[in-house]
PDB file of N, CA and C in Angstrom:
ATOM      1  N   MET A   1      12.991   1.620  21.375  1.00  0.00           N
ATOM      2  CA  MET A   1      12.343   1.649  20.068  1.00  0.00           C
ATOM      3  C   MET A   1      11.392   2.838  19.962  1.00  0.00           C
ATOM      4  N   LEU A   2      10.719   3.182  21.067  1.00  0.00           N
ATOM      5  CA  LEU A   2       9.751   4.270  21.019  1.00  0.00           C
ATOM      6  C   LEU A   2      10.390   5.584  20.595  1.00  0.00           C
ATOM      7  N   GLN A   3      11.570   5.895  21.126  1.00  0.00           N
ATOM      8  CA  GLN A   3      12.234   7.153  20.764  1.00  0.00           C
ATOM      9  C   GLN A   3      12.630   7.144  19.296  1.00  0.00           C
ATOM     10  N   ARG A   4      13.155   6.027  18.824  1.00  0.00           N
ATOM     11  CA  ARG A   4      13.546   5.930  17.415  1.00  0.00           C
ATOM     12  C   ARG A   4      12.316   6.078  16.534  1.00  0.00           C
ATOM     13  N   THR A   5      11.221   5.428  16.895  1.00  0.00           N
ATOM     14  CA  THR A   5       9.985   5.534  16.121  1.00  0.00           C
ATOM     15  C   THR A   5       9.481   6.963  16.112  1.00  0.00           C
ATOM     16  N   ALA A   6       9.514   7.611  17.252  1.00  0.00           N
ATOM     17  CA  ALA A   6       9.049   8.999  17.325  1.00  0.00           C
ATOM     18  C   ALA A   6       9.873   9.890  16.403  1.00  0.00           C
ATOM     19  N   THR A   7      11.165   9.647  16.337  1.00  0.00           N
ATOM     20  CA  THR A   7      12.031  10.421  15.454  1.00  0.00           C
ATOM     21  C   THR A   7      11.686  10.157  13.990  1.00  0.00           C
ATOM     22  N   LEU A   8      11.487   8.895  13.651  1.00  0.00           N
ATOM     23  CA  LEU A   8      11.129   8.545  12.276  1.00  0.00           C
ATOM     24  C   LEU A   8       9.781   9.155  11.878  1.00  0.00           C
ATOM     25  N   VAL A   9       8.812   9.079  12.787  1.00  0.00           N
ATOM     26  CA  VAL A   9       7.484   9.630  12.514  1.00  0.00           C
ATOM     27  C   VAL A   9       7.567  11.143  12.338  1.00  0.00           C
ATOM     28  N   ALA A  10       8.312  11.795  13.197  1.00  0.00           N
ATOM     29  CA  ALA A  10       8.467  13.249  13.090  1.00  0.00           C
ATOM     30  C   ALA A  10       9.118  13.628  11.761  1.00  0.00           C
ATOM     31  N   ASP A  11      10.109  12.853  11.339  1.00  0.00           N
ATOM     32  CA  ASP A  11      10.758  13.117  10.069  1.00  0.00           C
ATOM     33  C   ASP A  11       9.782  12.942   8.907  1.00  0.00           C
ATOM     34  N   CYS A  12       8.961  11.913   8.964  1.00  0.00           N
ATOM     35  CA  CYS A  12       7.953  11.695   7.919  1.00  0.00           C
ATOM     36  C   CYS A  12       6.976  12.868   7.852  1.00  0.00           C
ATOM     37  N   HIS A  13       6.538  13.339   9.002  1.00  0.00           N
ATOM     38  CA  HIS A  13       5.604  14.465   9.031  1.00  0.00           C
ATOM     39  C   HIS A  13       6.258  15.745   8.507  1.00  0.00           C
ATOM     40  N   ARG A  14       7.528  15.924   8.818  1.00  0.00           N
ATOM     41  CA  ARG A  14       8.252  17.094   8.303  1.00  0.00           C
ATOM     42  C   ARG A  14       8.340  17.039   6.784  1.00  0.00           C
ATOM     43  N   ARG A  15       8.680  15.871   6.272  1.00  0.00           N
ATOM     44  CA  ARG A  15       8.800  15.715   4.827  1.00  0.00           C
ATOM     45  C   ARG A  15       7.435  15.834   4.138  1.00  0.00           C
ATOM     46  N   ALA A  16       6.389  15.345   4.800  1.00  0.00           N
ATOM     47  CA  ALA A  16       5.040  15.497   4.252  1.00  0.00           C
ATOM     48  C   ALA A  16       4.666  16.975   4.166  1.00  0.00           C
ATOM     49  N   ALA A  17       5.000  17.728   5.191  1.00  0.00           N
ATOM     50  CA  ALA A  17       4.713  19.168   5.193  1.00  0.00           C
ATOM     51  C   ALA A  17       5.497  19.871   4.081  1.00  0.00           C
ATOM     52  N   GLU A  18       6.736  19.467   3.877  1.00  0.00           N
ATOM     53  CA  GLU A  18       7.533  20.038   2.785  1.00  0.00           C
ATOM     54  C   GLU A  18       6.889  19.732   1.430  1.00  0.00           C
ATOM     55  N   SER A  19       6.400  18.520   1.286  1.00  0.00           N
ATOM     56  CA  SER A  19       5.738  18.133   0.038  1.00  0.00           C
ATOM     57  C   SER A  19       4.454  18.924  -0.172  1.00  0.00           C
ATOM     58  N   ALA A  20       3.706  19.132   0.900  1.00  0.00           N
ATOM     59  CA  ALA A  20       2.484  19.929   0.805  1.00  0.00           C
ATOM     60  C   ALA A  20       2.807  21.357   0.377  1.00  0.00           C
ATOM     61  N   GLN A  21       3.888  21.895   0.909  1.00  0.00           N
ATOM     62  CA  GLN A  21       4.300  23.252   0.521  1.00  0.00           C
ATOM     63  C   GLN A  21       4.727  23.274  -0.943  1.00  0.00           C
ATOM     64  N   SER A  22       5.433  22.250  -1.372  1.00  0.00           N
ATOM     65  CA  SER A  22       5.832  22.173  -2.778  1.00  0.00           C
ATOM     66  C   SER A  22       4.601  22.080  -3.675  1.00  0.00           C
ATOM     67  N   ALA A  23       3.575  21.378  -3.222  1.00  0.00           N
ATOM     68  CA  ALA A  23       2.334  21.287  -3.998  1.00  0.00           C
ATOM     69  C   ALA A  23       1.690  22.668  -4.129  1.00  0.00           C
ATOM     70  N   LYS A  24       1.716  23.439  -3.060  1.00  0.00           N
ATOM     71  CA  LYS A  24       1.154  24.792  -3.109  1.00  0.00           C
ATOM     72  C   LYS A  24       1.918  25.680  -4.079  1.00  0.00           C
ATOM     73  N   ASN A  25       3.219  25.450  -4.194  1.00  0.00           N
ATOM     74  CA  ASN A  25       4.067  26.260  -5.058  1.00  0.00           C
ATOM     75  C   ASN A  25       4.204  25.696  -6.471  1.00  0.00           C
ATOM     76  N   ALA A  26       3.495  24.615  -6.763  1.00  0.00           N
ATOM     77  CA  ALA A  26       3.625  23.950  -8.064  1.00  0.00           C
ATOM     78  C   ALA A  26       3.215  24.871  -9.211  1.00  0.00           C
ATOM     79  N   HIS A  27       3.849  24.647 -10.351  1.00  0.00           N
ATOM     80  CA  HIS A  27       3.605  25.478 -11.529  1.00  0.00           C
ATOM     81  C   HIS A  27       2.473  24.948 -12.408  1.00  0.00           C
ATOM     82  N   ASN A  28       2.109  23.681 -12.213  1.00  0.00           N
ATOM     83  CA  ASN A  28       1.021  23.116 -13.006  1.00  0.00           C
ATOM     84  C   ASN A  28       0.336  21.994 -12.228  1.00  0.00           C
ATOM     85  N   VAL A  29      -0.753  21.502 -12.777  1.00  0.00           N
ATOM     86  CA  VAL A  29      -1.572  20.504 -12.088  1.00  0.00           C
ATOM     87  C   VAL A  29      -0.814  19.197 -11.876  1.00  0.00           C
ATOM     88  N   SER A  30      -0.094  18.754 -12.885  1.00  0.00           N
ATOM     89  CA  SER A  30       0.606  17.471 -12.730  1.00  0.00           C
ATOM     90  C   SER A  30       1.698  17.554 -11.669  1.00  0.00           C
ATOM     91  N   GLU A  31       2.378  18.667 -11.598  1.00  0.00           N
ATOM     92  CA  GLU A  31       3.398  18.851 -10.562  1.00  0.00           C
ATOM     93  C   GLU A  31       2.735  18.890  -9.182  1.00  0.00           C
ATOM     94  N   ARG A  32       1.612  19.578  -9.089  1.00  0.00           N
ATOM     95  CA  ARG A  32       0.868  19.657  -7.825  1.00  0.00           C
ATOM     96  C   ARG A  32       0.423  18.261  -7.379  1.00  0.00           C
ATOM     97  N   GLU A  33      -0.128  17.491  -8.308  1.00  0.00           N
ATOM     98  CA  GLU A  33      -0.582  16.134  -7.985  1.00  0.00           C
ATOM     99  C   GLU A  33       0.581  15.252  -7.553  1.00  0.00           C
ATOM    100  N   PHE A  34       1.719  15.429  -8.192  1.00  0.00           N
ATOM    101  CA  PHE A  34       2.905  14.664  -7.818  1.00  0.00           C
ATOM    102  C   PHE A  34       3.268  14.914  -6.358  1.00  0.00           C
ATOM    103  N   TYR A  35       3.361  16.188  -5.968  1.00  0.00           N
ATOM    104  CA  TYR A  35       3.743  16.515  -4.596  1.00  0.00           C
ATOM    105  C   TYR A  35       2.671  16.104  -3.583  1.00  0.00           C
ATOM    106  N   LEU A  36       1.411  16.167  -3.964  1.00  0.00           N
ATOM    107  CA  LEU A  36       0.354  15.703  -3.061  1.00  0.00           C
ATOM    108  C   LEU A  36       0.442  14.193  -2.865  1.00  0.00           C
ATOM    109  N   ASP A  37       0.804  13.478  -3.934  1.00  0.00           N
ATOM    110  CA  ASP A  37       0.997  12.034  -3.818  1.00  0.00           C
ATOM    111  C   ASP A  37       2.183  11.724  -2.917  1.00  0.00           C
ATOM    112  N   VAL A  38       3.258  12.478  -3.057  1.00  0.00           N
ATOM    113  CA  VAL A  38       4.430  12.293  -2.190  1.00  0.00           C
ATOM    114  C   VAL A  38       4.047  12.567  -0.738  1.00  0.00           C
ATOM    115  N   GLU A  39       3.268  13.619  -0.510  1.00  0.00           N
ATOM    116  CA  GLU A  39       2.805  13.925   0.847  1.00  0.00           C
ATOM    117  C   GLU A  39       2.034  12.741   1.434  1.00  0.00           C
ATOM    118  N   ARG A  40       1.093  12.204   0.655  1.00  0.00           N
ATOM    119  CA  ARG A  40       0.302  11.052   1.129  1.00  0.00           C
ATOM    120  C   ARG A  40       1.197   9.869   1.466  1.00  0.00           C
ATOM    121  N   ARG A  41       2.216   9.650   0.654  1.00  0.00           N
ATOM    122  CA  ARG A  41       3.124   8.523   0.914  1.00  0.00           C
ATOM    123  C   ARG A  41       3.931   8.718   2.209  1.00  0.00           C
ATOM    124  N   TRP A  42       4.378   9.929   2.466  1.00  0.00           N
ATOM    125  CA  TRP A  42       5.085  10.200   3.728  1.00  0.00           C
ATOM    126  C   TRP A  42       4.156   9.978   4.915  1.00  0.00           C
ATOM    127  N   LEU A  43       2.907  10.425   4.793  1.00  0.00           N
ATOM    128  CA  LEU A  43       1.952  10.233   5.891  1.00  0.00           C
ATOM    129  C   LEU A  43       1.630   8.762   6.084  1.00  0.00           C
ATOM    130  N   TYR A  44       1.531   8.015   5.005  1.00  0.00           N
ATOM    131  CA  TYR A  44       1.301   6.579   5.083  1.00  0.00           C
ATOM    132  C   TYR A  44       2.462   5.889   5.795  1.00  0.00           C
ATOM    133  N   LEU A  45       3.685   6.295   5.452  1.00  0.00           N
ATOM    134  CA  LEU A  45       4.858   5.711   6.108  1.00  0.00           C
ATOM    135  C   LEU A  45       4.862   6.032   7.597  1.00  0.00           C
ATOM    136  N   ALA A  46       4.512   7.262   7.957  1.00  0.00           N
ATOM    137  CA  ALA A  46       4.446   7.632   9.377  1.00  0.00           C
ATOM    138  C   ALA A  46       3.430   6.752  10.106  1.00  0.00           C
ATOM    139  N   ASN A  47       2.266   6.566   9.500  1.00  0.00           N
ATOM    140  CA  ASN A  47       1.239   5.711  10.112  1.00  0.00           C
ATOM    141  C   ASN A  47       1.717   4.273  10.230  1.00  0.00           C
ATOM    142  N   SER A  48       2.466   3.821   9.243  1.00  0.00           N
ATOM    143  CA  SER A  48       3.001   2.465   9.277  1.00  0.00           C
ATOM    144  C   SER A  48       3.983   2.287  10.431  1.00  0.00           C
ATOM    145  N   TYR A  49       4.870   3.263  10.613  1.00  0.00           N
ATOM    146  CA  TYR A  49       5.794   3.206  11.750  1.00  0.00           C
ATOM    147  C   TYR A  49       5.041   3.165  13.071  1.00  0.00           C
ATOM    148  N   GLU A  50       4.021   3.998  13.204  1.00  0.00           N
ATOM    149  CA  GLU A  50       3.251   4.051  14.445  1.00  0.00           C
ATOM    150  C   GLU A  50       2.521   2.741  14.704  1.00  0.00           C
ATOM    151  N   LEU A  51       1.918   2.168  13.671  1.00  0.00           N
ATOM    152  CA  LEU A  51       1.211   0.899  13.829  1.00  0.00           C
ATOM    153  C   LEU A  51       2.176  -0.215  14.208  1.00  0.00           C
ATOM    154  N   THR A  52       3.306  -0.268  13.538  1.00  0.00           N
ATOM    155  CA  THR A  52       4.309  -1.291  13.851  1.00  0.00           C
ATOM    156  C   THR A  52       4.754  -1.173  15.301  1.00  0.00           C
ATOM    157  N   ASP A  53       4.947   0.033  15.777  1.00  0.00           N
ATOM    158  CA  ASP A  53       5.368   0.250  17.152  1.00  0.00           C
ATOM    159  C   ASP A  53       4.288  -0.213  18.136  1.00  0.00           C
ATOM    160  N   ARG A  54       3.031   0.094  17.833  1.00  0.00           N
ATOM    161  CA  ARG A  54       1.938  -0.335  18.724  1.00  0.00           C
ATOM    162  C   ARG A  54       1.815  -1.852  18.761  1.00  0.00           C
ATOM    163  N   VAL A  55       1.907  -2.493  17.606  1.00  0.00           N
ATOM    164  CA  VAL A  55       1.808  -3.954  17.550  1.00  0.00           C
ATOM    165  C   VAL A  55       2.968  -4.586  18.309  1.00  0.00           C
ATOM    166  N   THR A  56       4.153  -4.040  18.148  1.00  0.00           N
ATOM    167  CA  THR A  56       5.325  -4.553  18.870  1.00  0.00           C
ATOM    168  C   THR A  56       5.145  -4.397  20.371  1.00  0.00           C
ATOM    169  N   SER A  57       4.611  -3.270  20.798  1.00  0.00           N
ATOM    170  CA  SER A  57       4.381  -3.044  22.234  1.00  0.00           C
ATOM    171  C   SER A  57       3.388  -4.043  22.799  1.00  0.00           C
ATOM    172  N   VAL A  58       2.307  -4.275  22.078  1.00  0.00           N
ATOM    173  CA  VAL A  58       1.307  -5.244  22.536  1.00  0.00           C
ATOM    174  C   VAL A  58       1.909  -6.643  22.576  1.00  0.00           C
ATOM    175  N   SER A  59       2.652  -6.991  21.549  1.00  0.00           N
ATOM    176  CA  SER A  59       3.286  -8.303  21.498  1.00  0.00           C
ATOM    177  C   SER A  59       4.261  -8.493  22.661  1.00  0.00           C
ATOM    178  N   ASN A  60       5.067  -7.480  22.937  1.00  0.00           N
ATOM    179  CA  ASN A  60       6.011  -7.570  24.057  1.00  0.00           C
ATOM    180  C   ASN A  60       5.285  -7.697  25.388  1.00  0.00           C
ATOM    181  N   GLU A  61       4.195  -6.956  25.540  1.00  0.00           N
ATOM    182  CA  GLU A  61       3.414  -7.046  26.779  1.00  0.00           C
ATOM    183  C   GLU A  61       2.810  -8.431  26.946  1.00  0.00           C
ATOM    184  N   LEU A  62       2.298  -8.999  25.875  1.00  0.00           N
ATOM    185  CA  LEU A  62       1.752 -10.361  25.948  1.00  0.00           C
ATOM    186  C   LEU A  62       2.840 -11.369  26.283  1.00  0.00           C
ATOM    187  N   ASP A  63       4.012 -11.212  25.696  1.00  0.00           N
ATOM    188  CA  ASP A  63       5.133 -12.110  26.013  1.00  0.00           C
ATOM    189  C   ASP A  63       5.479 -12.031  27.493  1.00  0.00           C
ATOM    190  N   ARG A  64       5.537 -10.819  28.048  1.00  0.00           N
ATOM    191  CA  ARG A  64       5.846 -10.662  29.472  1.00  0.00           C
ATOM    192  C   ARG A  64       4.756 -11.303  30.333  1.00  0.00           C
ATOM    193  N   HIS A  65       3.521 -11.083  29.946  1.00  0.00           N
ATOM    194  CA  HIS A  65       2.396 -11.620  30.713  1.00  0.00           C
ATOM    195  C   HIS A  65       2.435 -13.142  30.735  1.00  0.00           C
ATOM    196  N   TYR A  66       2.628 -13.763  29.586  1.00  0.00           N
ATOM    197  CA  TYR A  66       2.614 -15.213  29.519  1.00  0.00           C
ATOM    198  C   TYR A  66       3.876 -15.847  30.068  1.00  0.00           C
ATOM    199  N   SER A  67       4.983 -15.151  30.040  1.00  0.00           N
ATOM    200  CA  SER A  67       6.201 -15.720  30.621  1.00  0.00           C
ATOM    201  C   SER A  67       6.116 -15.748  32.146  1.00  0.00           C
ATOM    202  N   LYS A  68       5.362 -14.842  32.747  1.00  0.00           N
ATOM    203  CA  LYS A  68       5.153 -14.832  34.199  1.00  0.00           C
ATOM    204  C   LYS A  68       4.293 -16.008  34.644  1.00  0.00           C
ATOM    205  N   ARG A  69       3.431 -16.469  33.765  1.00  0.00           N
ATOM    206  CA  ARG A  69       2.501 -17.531  34.113  1.00  0.00           C
ATOM    207  C   ARG A  69       3.147 -18.909  34.045  1.00  0.00           C
ATOM    208  N   LYS A  70       4.321 -19.021  33.466  1.00  0.00           N
ATOM    209  CA  LYS A  70       4.978 -20.342  33.326  1.00  0.00           C
ATOM    210  C   LYS A  70       5.669 -20.750  34.584  1.00  0.00           C
TER     211      LYS A  70
END
């Protein structure tokens, strides 16, 4: 799962960077705001993937720990 998550996170960051570049190249304020919002959403998704992966790792570790105690 870690490798898949890393790939997804990297893709989100790449797309966020593309959106940031599009914002820089925007022709007007509303277009710029649109691309900045898209950038924020890609970064939010990347953070969500990372958090989900960390929670899953902790949960799996707790499962292993408690299964040894039985």
